Amino acid sequence: QPIGPPAIMVEQLAHLIEIGELPNVSVRVLER
């Protein structure tokens, strides 16, 4: 689901990847 222009989504997804690298953080996706 795009929220805002593509650049906003790129920045947001990059942030999720980055924050998921923190030792106390896990980000997991429920696939379709």
Full PDB file with SEQRES, HELIX, SHEET, SSBOND, CRYST1, ORIGX, SCALE, CONECT and MASTER records, all heavy atoms in Angstrom:
SEQRES   1 A   32  GLN PRO ILE GLY PRO PRO ALA ILE MET VAL GLU GLN LEU          
SEQRES   2 A   32  ALA HIS LEU ILE GLU ILE GLY GLU LEU PRO ASN VAL SER          
SEQRES   3 A   32  VAL ARG VAL LEU GLU ARG                                      
HELIX    1 AA1 PRO A    6  ILE A   19  1                                  14    
CRYST1    1.000    1.000    1.000  90.00  90.00  90.00 P 1           1          
ORIGX1      1.000000  0.000000  0.000000        0.00000                         
ORIGX2      0.000000  1.000000  0.000000        0.00000                         
ORIGX3      0.000000  0.000000  1.000000        0.00000                         
SCALE1      1.000000  0.000000  0.000000        0.00000                         
SCALE2      0.000000  1.000000  0.000000        0.00000                         
SCALE3      0.000000  0.000000  1.000000        0.00000                         
ATOM      1  N   GLN A   1       0.837  -1.206   0.000  1.00  0.00           N  
ATOM      2  CA  GLN A   1       0.000   0.000   0.000  1.00  0.00           C  
ATOM      3  C   GLN A   1       0.871   1.256   0.000  1.00  0.00           C  
ATOM      4  O   GLN A   1       1.529   1.565   0.995  1.00  0.00           O  
ATOM      5  CB  GLN A   1      -0.904   0.014   1.234  1.00  0.00           C  
ATOM      6  CG  GLN A   1      -1.730   1.286   1.395  1.00  0.00           C  
ATOM      7  CD  GLN A   1      -2.722   1.471   0.263  1.00  0.00           C  
ATOM      8  OE1 GLN A   1      -3.580   0.630   0.047  1.00  0.00           O  
ATOM      9  NE2 GLN A   1      -2.588   2.569  -0.471  1.00  0.00           N  
ATOM     10  N   PRO A   2       0.898   2.004  -1.118  1.00  0.00           N  
ATOM     11  CA  PRO A   2       1.711   3.234  -1.125  1.00  0.00           C  
ATOM     12  C   PRO A   2       1.087   4.320  -0.261  1.00  0.00           C  
ATOM     13  O   PRO A   2      -0.095   4.605  -0.353  1.00  0.00           O  
ATOM     14  CB  PRO A   2       1.721   3.635  -2.603  1.00  0.00           C  
ATOM     15  CG  PRO A   2       0.486   3.028  -3.180  1.00  0.00           C  
ATOM     16  CD  PRO A   2       0.238   1.762  -2.403  1.00  0.00           C  
ATOM     17  N   ILE A   3       1.892   4.894   0.595  1.00  0.00           N  
ATOM     18  CA  ILE A   3       1.486   6.034   1.413  1.00  0.00           C  
ATOM     19  C   ILE A   3       2.383   7.193   1.008  1.00  0.00           C  
ATOM     20  O   ILE A   3       3.579   7.198   1.267  1.00  0.00           O  
ATOM     21  CB  ILE A   3       1.652   5.737   2.925  1.00  0.00           C  
ATOM     22  CG1 ILE A   3       0.846   4.506   3.326  1.00  0.00           C  
ATOM     23  CG2 ILE A   3       1.258   6.950   3.745  1.00  0.00           C  
ATOM     24  CD1 ILE A   3      -0.664   4.665   3.189  1.00  0.00           C  
ATOM     25  N   GLY A   4       1.795   8.184   0.314  1.00  0.00           N  
ATOM     26  CA  GLY A   4       2.602   9.268  -0.211  1.00  0.00           C  
ATOM     27  C   GLY A   4       3.288   8.861  -1.503  1.00  0.00           C  
ATOM     28  O   GLY A   4       3.065   7.764  -2.028  1.00  0.00           O  
ATOM     29  N   PRO A   5       4.185   9.697  -2.014  1.00  0.00           N  
ATOM     30  CA  PRO A   5       4.911   9.390  -3.254  1.00  0.00           C  
ATOM     31  C   PRO A   5       5.915   8.252  -3.042  1.00  0.00           C  
ATOM     32  O   PRO A   5       6.244   7.911  -1.899  1.00  0.00           O  
ATOM     33  CB  PRO A   5       5.609  10.711  -3.585  1.00  0.00           C  
ATOM     34  CG  PRO A   5       5.718  11.424  -2.282  1.00  0.00           C  
ATOM     35  CD  PRO A   5       4.507  11.040  -1.489  1.00  0.00           C  
ATOM     36  N   PRO A   6       6.424   7.667  -4.144  1.00  0.00           N  
ATOM     37  CA  PRO A   6       7.366   6.546  -4.017  1.00  0.00           C  
ATOM     38  C   PRO A   6       8.568   6.837  -3.124  1.00  0.00           C  
ATOM     39  O   PRO A   6       9.030   5.957  -2.390  1.00  0.00           O  
ATOM     40  CB  PRO A   6       7.793   6.296  -5.473  1.00  0.00           C  
ATOM     41  CG  PRO A   6       6.620   6.735  -6.288  1.00  0.00           C  
ATOM     42  CD  PRO A   6       6.065   7.932  -5.551  1.00  0.00           C  
ATOM     43  N   ALA A   7       9.086   8.056  -3.183  1.00  0.00           N  
ATOM     44  CA  ALA A   7      10.261   8.393  -2.363  1.00  0.00           C  
ATOM     45  C   ALA A   7       9.980   8.227  -0.876  1.00  0.00           C  
ATOM     46  O   ALA A   7      10.869   7.831  -0.100  1.00  0.00           O  
ATOM     47  CB  ALA A   7      10.711   9.826  -2.649  1.00  0.00           C  
ATOM     48  N   ILE A   8       8.757   8.527  -0.470  1.00  0.00           N  
ATOM     49  CA  ILE A   8       8.372   8.358   0.936  1.00  0.00           C  
ATOM     50  C   ILE A   8       8.405   6.876   1.313  1.00  0.00           C  
ATOM     51  O   ILE A   8       8.886   6.503   2.391  1.00  0.00           O  
ATOM     52  CB  ILE A   8       6.966   8.935   1.183  1.00  0.00           C  
ATOM     53  CG1 ILE A   8       6.976  10.459   1.048  1.00  0.00           C  
ATOM     54  CG2 ILE A   8       6.447   8.533   2.571  1.00  0.00           C  
ATOM     55  CD1 ILE A   8       7.771  11.175   2.096  1.00  0.00           C  
ATOM     56  N   MET A   9       7.899   6.020   0.421  1.00  0.00           N  
ATOM     57  CA  MET A   9       7.891   4.584   0.703  1.00  0.00           C  
ATOM     58  C   MET A   9       9.304   4.023   0.733  1.00  0.00           C  
ATOM     59  O   MET A   9       9.617   3.168   1.572  1.00  0.00           O  
ATOM     60  CB  MET A   9       7.046   3.856  -0.338  1.00  0.00           C  
ATOM     61  CG  MET A   9       5.552   4.117  -0.224  1.00  0.00           C  
ATOM     62  SD  MET A   9       4.853   3.621   1.380  1.00  0.00           S  
ATOM     63  CE  MET A   9       5.138   1.839   1.351  1.00  0.00           C  
ATOM     64  N   VAL A  10      10.162   4.480  -0.165  1.00  0.00           N  
ATOM     65  CA  VAL A  10      11.555   4.027  -0.158  1.00  0.00           C  
ATOM     66  C   VAL A  10      12.214   4.375   1.174  1.00  0.00           C  
ATOM     67  O   VAL A  10      12.895   3.549   1.804  1.00  0.00           O  
ATOM     68  CB  VAL A  10      12.345   4.652  -1.329  1.00  0.00           C  
ATOM     69  CG1 VAL A  10      13.842   4.369  -1.184  1.00  0.00           C  
ATOM     70  CG2 VAL A  10      11.830   4.115  -2.654  1.00  0.00           C  
ATOM     71  N   GLU A  11      12.017   5.621   1.608  1.00  0.00           N  
ATOM     72  CA  GLU A  11      12.593   6.061   2.887  1.00  0.00           C  
ATOM     73  C   GLU A  11      12.039   5.249   4.042  1.00  0.00           C  
ATOM     74  O   GLU A  11      12.783   4.826   4.947  1.00  0.00           O  
ATOM     75  CB  GLU A  11      12.290   7.538   3.087  1.00  0.00           C  
ATOM     76  CG  GLU A  11      12.839   8.106   4.406  1.00  0.00           C  
ATOM     77  CD  GLU A  11      12.377   9.528   4.656  1.00  0.00           C  
ATOM     78  OE1 GLU A  11      11.195   9.829   4.398  1.00  0.00           O  
ATOM     79  OE2 GLU A  11      13.193  10.337   5.128  1.00  0.00           O  
ATOM     80  N   GLN A  12      10.728   4.986   4.030  1.00  0.00           N  
ATOM     81  CA  GLN A  12      10.111   4.259   5.124  1.00  0.00           C  
ATOM     82  C   GLN A  12      10.591   2.810   5.183  1.00  0.00           C  
ATOM     83  O   GLN A  12      10.913   2.289   6.255  1.00  0.00           O  
ATOM     84  CB  GLN A  12       8.585   4.280   4.970  1.00  0.00           C  
ATOM     85  CG  GLN A  12       7.836   3.468   6.024  1.00  0.00           C  
ATOM     86  CD  GLN A  12       8.070   3.961   7.433  1.00  0.00           C  
ATOM     87  OE1 GLN A  12       7.523   4.959   7.838  1.00  0.00           O  
ATOM     88  NE2 GLN A  12       8.896   3.260   8.199  1.00  0.00           N  
ATOM     89  N   LEU A  13      10.644   2.146   4.045  1.00  0.00           N  
ATOM     90  CA  LEU A  13      11.078   0.750   4.026  1.00  0.00           C  
ATOM     91  C   LEU A  13      12.557   0.635   4.381  1.00  0.00           C  
ATOM     92  O   LEU A  13      12.959  -0.316   5.069  1.00  0.00           O  
ATOM     93  CB  LEU A  13      10.788   0.142   2.658  1.00  0.00           C  
ATOM     94  CG  LEU A  13       9.288   0.002   2.346  1.00  0.00           C  
ATOM     95  CD1 LEU A  13       9.078  -0.346   0.884  1.00  0.00           C  
ATOM     96  CD2 LEU A  13       8.645  -1.047   3.250  1.00  0.00           C  
ATOM     97  N   ALA A  14      13.348   1.597   3.959  1.00  0.00           N  
ATOM     98  CA  ALA A  14      14.760   1.608   4.347  1.00  0.00           C  
ATOM     99  C   ALA A  14      14.892   1.763   5.859  1.00  0.00           C  
ATOM    100  O   ALA A  14      15.762   1.140   6.498  1.00  0.00           O  
ATOM    101  CB  ALA A  14      15.493   2.737   3.631  1.00  0.00           C  
ATOM    102  N   HIS A  15      14.017   2.573   6.447  1.00  0.00           N  
ATOM    103  CA  HIS A  15      14.038   2.761   7.901  1.00  0.00           C  
ATOM    104  C   HIS A  15      13.680   1.461   8.619  1.00  0.00           C  
ATOM    105  O   HIS A  15      14.295   1.112   9.637  1.00  0.00           O  
ATOM    106  CB  HIS A  15      13.069   3.872   8.294  1.00  0.00           C  
ATOM    107  CG  HIS A  15      12.986   4.117   9.761  1.00  0.00           C  
ATOM    108  ND1 HIS A  15      14.057   4.561  10.512  1.00  0.00           N  
ATOM    109  CD2 HIS A  15      11.950   3.979  10.645  1.00  0.00           C  
ATOM    110  CE1 HIS A  15      13.696   4.693  11.775  1.00  0.00           C  
ATOM    111  NE2 HIS A  15      12.423   4.337  11.877  1.00  0.00           N  
ATOM    112  N   LEU A  16      12.692   0.734   8.103  1.00  0.00           N  
ATOM    113  CA  LEU A  16      12.325  -0.547   8.718  1.00  0.00           C  
ATOM    114  C   LEU A  16      13.490  -1.530   8.663  1.00  0.00           C  
ATOM    115  O   LEU A  16      13.746  -2.259   9.627  1.00  0.00           O  
ATOM    116  CB  LEU A  16      11.109  -1.144   8.015  1.00  0.00           C  
ATOM    117  CG  LEU A  16       9.752  -0.476   8.270  1.00  0.00           C  
ATOM    118  CD1 LEU A  16       8.672  -1.144   7.432  1.00  0.00           C  
ATOM    119  CD2 LEU A  16       9.391  -0.529   9.747  1.00  0.00           C  
ATOM    120  N   ILE A  17      14.188  -1.550   7.530  1.00  0.00           N  
ATOM    121  CA  ILE A  17      15.350  -2.437   7.400  1.00  0.00           C  
ATOM    122  C   ILE A  17      16.429  -2.040   8.391  1.00  0.00           C  
ATOM    123  O   ILE A  17      17.023  -2.886   9.073  1.00  0.00           O  
ATOM    124  CB  ILE A  17      15.883  -2.389   5.961  1.00  0.00           C  
ATOM    125  CG1 ILE A  17      14.862  -3.000   4.994  1.00  0.00           C  
ATOM    126  CG2 ILE A  17      17.220  -3.121   5.862  1.00  0.00           C  
ATOM    127  CD1 ILE A  17      15.194  -2.781   3.529  1.00  0.00           C  
ATOM    128  N   GLU A  18      16.688  -0.734   8.483  1.00  0.00           N  
ATOM    129  CA  GLU A  18      17.741  -0.238   9.376  1.00  0.00           C  
ATOM    130  C   GLU A  18      17.412  -0.510  10.838  1.00  0.00           C  
ATOM    131  O   GLU A  18      18.259  -0.996  11.595  1.00  0.00           O  
ATOM    132  CB  GLU A  18      17.934   1.257   9.157  1.00  0.00           C  
ATOM    133  CG  GLU A  18      19.013   1.876  10.043  1.00  0.00           C  
ATOM    134  CD  GLU A  18      19.161   3.372   9.830  1.00  0.00           C  
ATOM    135  OE1 GLU A  18      18.402   3.934   9.029  1.00  0.00           O  
ATOM    136  OE2 GLU A  18      20.044   3.976  10.476  1.00  0.00           O  
ATOM    137  N   ILE A  19      16.181  -0.220  11.226  1.00  0.00           N  
ATOM    138  CA  ILE A  19      15.832  -0.385  12.643  1.00  0.00           C  
ATOM    139  C   ILE A  19      15.767  -1.863  13.008  1.00  0.00           C  
ATOM    140  O   ILE A  19      15.995  -2.252  14.153  1.00  0.00           O  
ATOM    141  CB  ILE A  19      14.498   0.336  12.961  1.00  0.00           C  
ATOM    142  CG1 ILE A  19      14.452   0.697  14.450  1.00  0.00           C  
ATOM    143  CG2 ILE A  19      13.284  -0.506  12.576  1.00  0.00           C  
ATOM    144  CD1 ILE A  19      13.373   1.687  14.793  1.00  0.00           C  
ATOM    145  N   GLY A  20      15.468  -2.715  12.000  1.00  0.00           N  
ATOM    146  CA  GLY A  20      15.444  -4.151  12.252  1.00  0.00           C  
ATOM    147  C   GLY A  20      16.814  -4.743  12.512  1.00  0.00           C  
ATOM    148  O   GLY A  20      16.919  -5.895  12.953  1.00  0.00           O  
ATOM    149  N   GLU A  21      17.863  -3.981  12.233  1.00  0.00           N  
ATOM    150  CA  GLU A  21      19.229  -4.443  12.484  1.00  0.00           C  
ATOM    151  C   GLU A  21      19.674  -4.186  13.921  1.00  0.00           C  
ATOM    152  O   GLU A  21      20.721  -4.686  14.348  1.00  0.00           O  
ATOM    153  CB  GLU A  21      20.189  -3.754  11.515  1.00  0.00           C  
ATOM    154  CG  GLU A  21      19.957  -4.147  10.059  1.00  0.00           C  
ATOM    155  CD  GLU A  21      20.882  -3.408   9.114  1.00  0.00           C  
ATOM    156  OE1 GLU A  21      21.517  -2.427   9.554  1.00  0.00           O  
ATOM    157  OE2 GLU A  21      20.971  -3.815   7.939  1.00  0.00           O  
ATOM    158  N   LEU A  22      18.902  -3.391  14.662  1.00  0.00           N  
ATOM    159  CA  LEU A  22      19.256  -3.159  16.062  1.00  0.00           C  
ATOM    160  C   LEU A  22      19.151  -4.463  16.838  1.00  0.00           C  
ATOM    161  O   LEU A  22      18.270  -5.295  16.562  1.00  0.00           O  
ATOM    162  CB  LEU A  22      18.321  -2.104  16.675  1.00  0.00           C  
ATOM    163  CG  LEU A  22      18.407  -0.698  16.084  1.00  0.00           C  
ATOM    164  CD1 LEU A  22      17.335   0.204  16.675  1.00  0.00           C  
ATOM    165  CD2 LEU A  22      19.789  -0.104  16.320  1.00  0.00           C  
ATOM    166  N   PRO A  23      20.029  -4.689  17.803  1.00  0.00           N  
ATOM    167  CA  PRO A  23      20.058  -5.982  18.504  1.00  0.00           C  
ATOM    168  C   PRO A  23      18.774  -6.331  19.243  1.00  0.00           C  
ATOM    169  O   PRO A  23      18.456  -7.506  19.406  1.00  0.00           O  
ATOM    170  CB  PRO A  23      21.237  -5.826  19.479  1.00  0.00           C  
ATOM    171  CG  PRO A  23      21.464  -4.350  19.592  1.00  0.00           C  
ATOM    172  CD  PRO A  23      21.082  -3.772  18.273  1.00  0.00           C  
ATOM    173  N   ASN A  24      18.024  -5.339  19.691  1.00  0.00           N  
ATOM    174  CA  ASN A  24      16.808  -5.607  20.462  1.00  0.00           C  
ATOM    175  C   ASN A  24      15.533  -5.554  19.626  1.00  0.00           C  
ATOM    176  O   ASN A  24      14.438  -5.639  20.172  1.00  0.00           O  
ATOM    177  CB  ASN A  24      16.665  -4.595  21.612  1.00  0.00           C  
ATOM    178  CG  ASN A  24      17.661  -4.854  22.721  1.00  0.00           C  
ATOM    179  OD1 ASN A  24      18.418  -5.807  22.673  1.00  0.00           O  
ATOM    180  ND2 ASN A  24      17.668  -3.998  23.720  1.00  0.00           N  
ATOM    181  N   VAL A  25      15.688  -5.397  18.301  1.00  0.00           N  
ATOM    182  CA  VAL A  25      14.518  -5.187  17.445  1.00  0.00           C  
ATOM    183  C   VAL A  25      14.422  -6.268  16.373  1.00  0.00           C  
ATOM    184  O   VAL A  25      15.423  -6.622  15.752  1.00  0.00           O  
ATOM    185  CB  VAL A  25      14.568  -3.798  16.768  1.00  0.00           C  
ATOM    186  CG1 VAL A  25      13.344  -3.587  15.882  1.00  0.00           C  
ATOM    187  CG2 VAL A  25      14.661  -2.689  17.818  1.00  0.00           C  
ATOM    188  N   SER A  26      13.220  -6.779  16.176  1.00  0.00           N  
ATOM    189  CA  SER A  26      12.976  -7.695  15.060  1.00  0.00           C  
ATOM    190  C   SER A  26      11.754  -7.219  14.284  1.00  0.00           C  
ATOM    191  O   SER A  26      10.764  -6.800  14.874  1.00  0.00           O  
ATOM    192  CB  SER A  26      12.755  -9.135  15.553  1.00  0.00           C  
ATOM    193  OG  SER A  26      11.517  -9.256  16.227  1.00  0.00           O  
ATOM    194  N   VAL A  27      11.861  -7.260  12.960  1.00  0.00           N  
ATOM    195  CA  VAL A  27      10.762  -6.883  12.072  1.00  0.00           C  
ATOM    196  C   VAL A  27      10.488  -8.063  11.152  1.00  0.00           C  
ATOM    197  O   VAL A  27      11.364  -8.473  10.390  1.00  0.00           O  
ATOM    198  CB  VAL A  27      11.096  -5.625  11.238  1.00  0.00           C  
ATOM    199  CG1 VAL A  27       9.933  -5.280  10.318  1.00  0.00           C  
ATOM    200  CG2 VAL A  27      11.428  -4.444  12.149  1.00  0.00           C  
ATOM    201  N   ARG A  28       9.272  -8.599  11.234  1.00  0.00           N  
ATOM    202  CA  ARG A  28       8.915  -9.766  10.434  1.00  0.00           C  
ATOM    203  C   ARG A  28       7.650  -9.486   9.639  1.00  0.00           C  
ATOM    204  O   ARG A  28       6.793  -8.721  10.079  1.00  0.00           O  
ATOM    205  CB  ARG A  28       8.734 -10.993  11.335  1.00  0.00           C  
ATOM    206  CG  ARG A  28      10.007 -11.384  12.091  1.00  0.00           C  
ATOM    207  CD  ARG A  28       9.716 -12.417  13.154  1.00  0.00           C  
ATOM    208  NE  ARG A  28       9.101 -13.591  12.558  1.00  0.00           N  
ATOM    209  CZ  ARG A  28       8.328 -14.436  13.244  1.00  0.00           C  
ATOM    210  NH1 ARG A  28       8.071 -14.219  14.519  1.00  0.00           N  
ATOM    211  NH2 ARG A  28       7.814 -15.490  12.643  1.00  0.00           N  
ATOM    212  N   VAL A  29       7.551 -10.121   8.488  1.00  0.00           N  
ATOM    213  CA  VAL A  29       6.441  -9.875   7.567  1.00  0.00           C  
ATOM    214  C   VAL A  29       5.568 -11.125   7.463  1.00  0.00           C  
ATOM    215  O   VAL A  29       6.077 -12.238   7.317  1.00  0.00           O  
ATOM    216  CB  VAL A  29       6.966  -9.495   6.171  1.00  0.00           C  
ATOM    217  CG1 VAL A  29       5.800  -9.299   5.201  1.00  0.00           C  
ATOM    218  CG2 VAL A  29       7.827  -8.230   6.243  1.00  0.00           C  
ATOM    219  N   LEU A  30       4.263 -10.906   7.539  1.00  0.00           N  
ATOM    220  CA  LEU A  30       3.306 -11.978   7.265  1.00  0.00           C  
ATOM    221  C   LEU A  30       3.025 -11.954   5.769  1.00  0.00           C  
ATOM    222  O   LEU A  30       2.447 -10.999   5.246  1.00  0.00           O  
ATOM    223  CB  LEU A  30       2.015 -11.772   8.055  1.00  0.00           C  
ATOM    224  CG  LEU A  30       0.986 -12.893   7.918  1.00  0.00           C  
ATOM    225  CD1 LEU A  30       1.473 -14.153   8.626  1.00  0.00           C  
ATOM    226  CD2 LEU A  30      -0.360 -12.474   8.475  1.00  0.00           C  
ATOM    227  N   GLU A  31       3.452 -12.989   5.083  1.00  0.00           N  
ATOM    228  CA  GLU A  31       3.353 -13.005   3.630  1.00  0.00           C  
ATOM    229  C   GLU A  31       1.918 -13.200   3.150  1.00  0.00           C  
ATOM    230  O   GLU A  31       1.063 -13.742   3.857  1.00  0.00           O  
ATOM    231  CB  GLU A  31       4.237 -14.107   3.065  1.00  0.00           C  
ATOM    232  CG  GLU A  31       5.715 -13.904   3.374  1.00  0.00           C  
ATOM    233  CD  GLU A  31       6.584 -15.017   2.842  1.00  0.00           C  
ATOM    234  OE1 GLU A  31       6.972 -14.941   1.659  1.00  0.00           O  
ATOM    235  OE2 GLU A  31       6.851 -15.962   3.601  1.00  0.00           O  
ATOM    236  N   ARG A  32       1.688 -12.795   1.923  1.00  0.00           N  
ATOM    237  CA  ARG A  32       0.361 -12.904   1.322  1.00  0.00           C  
ATOM    238  C   ARG A  32      -0.124 -14.356   1.313  1.00  0.00           C  
ATOM    239  O   ARG A  32      -1.315 -14.631   1.493  1.00  0.00           O  
ATOM    240  CB  ARG A  32       0.396 -12.349  -0.102  1.00  0.00           C  
ATOM    241  CG  ARG A  32      -0.939 -12.344  -0.812  1.00  0.00           C  
ATOM    242  CD  ARG A  32      -0.844 -11.602  -2.124  1.00  0.00           C  
ATOM    243  NE  ARG A  32      -2.129 -11.452  -2.762  1.00  0.00           N  
ATOM    244  CZ  ARG A  32      -2.368 -10.688  -3.815  1.00  0.00           C  
ATOM    245  NH1 ARG A  32      -1.372  -9.983  -4.349  1.00  0.00           N  
ATOM    246  NH2 ARG A  32      -3.570 -10.615  -4.335  1.00  0.00           N  
TER     247      ARG A  32                                                      
MASTER        0    0    0    1    0    0    0    6  246    1    0    3          
END                                                                             
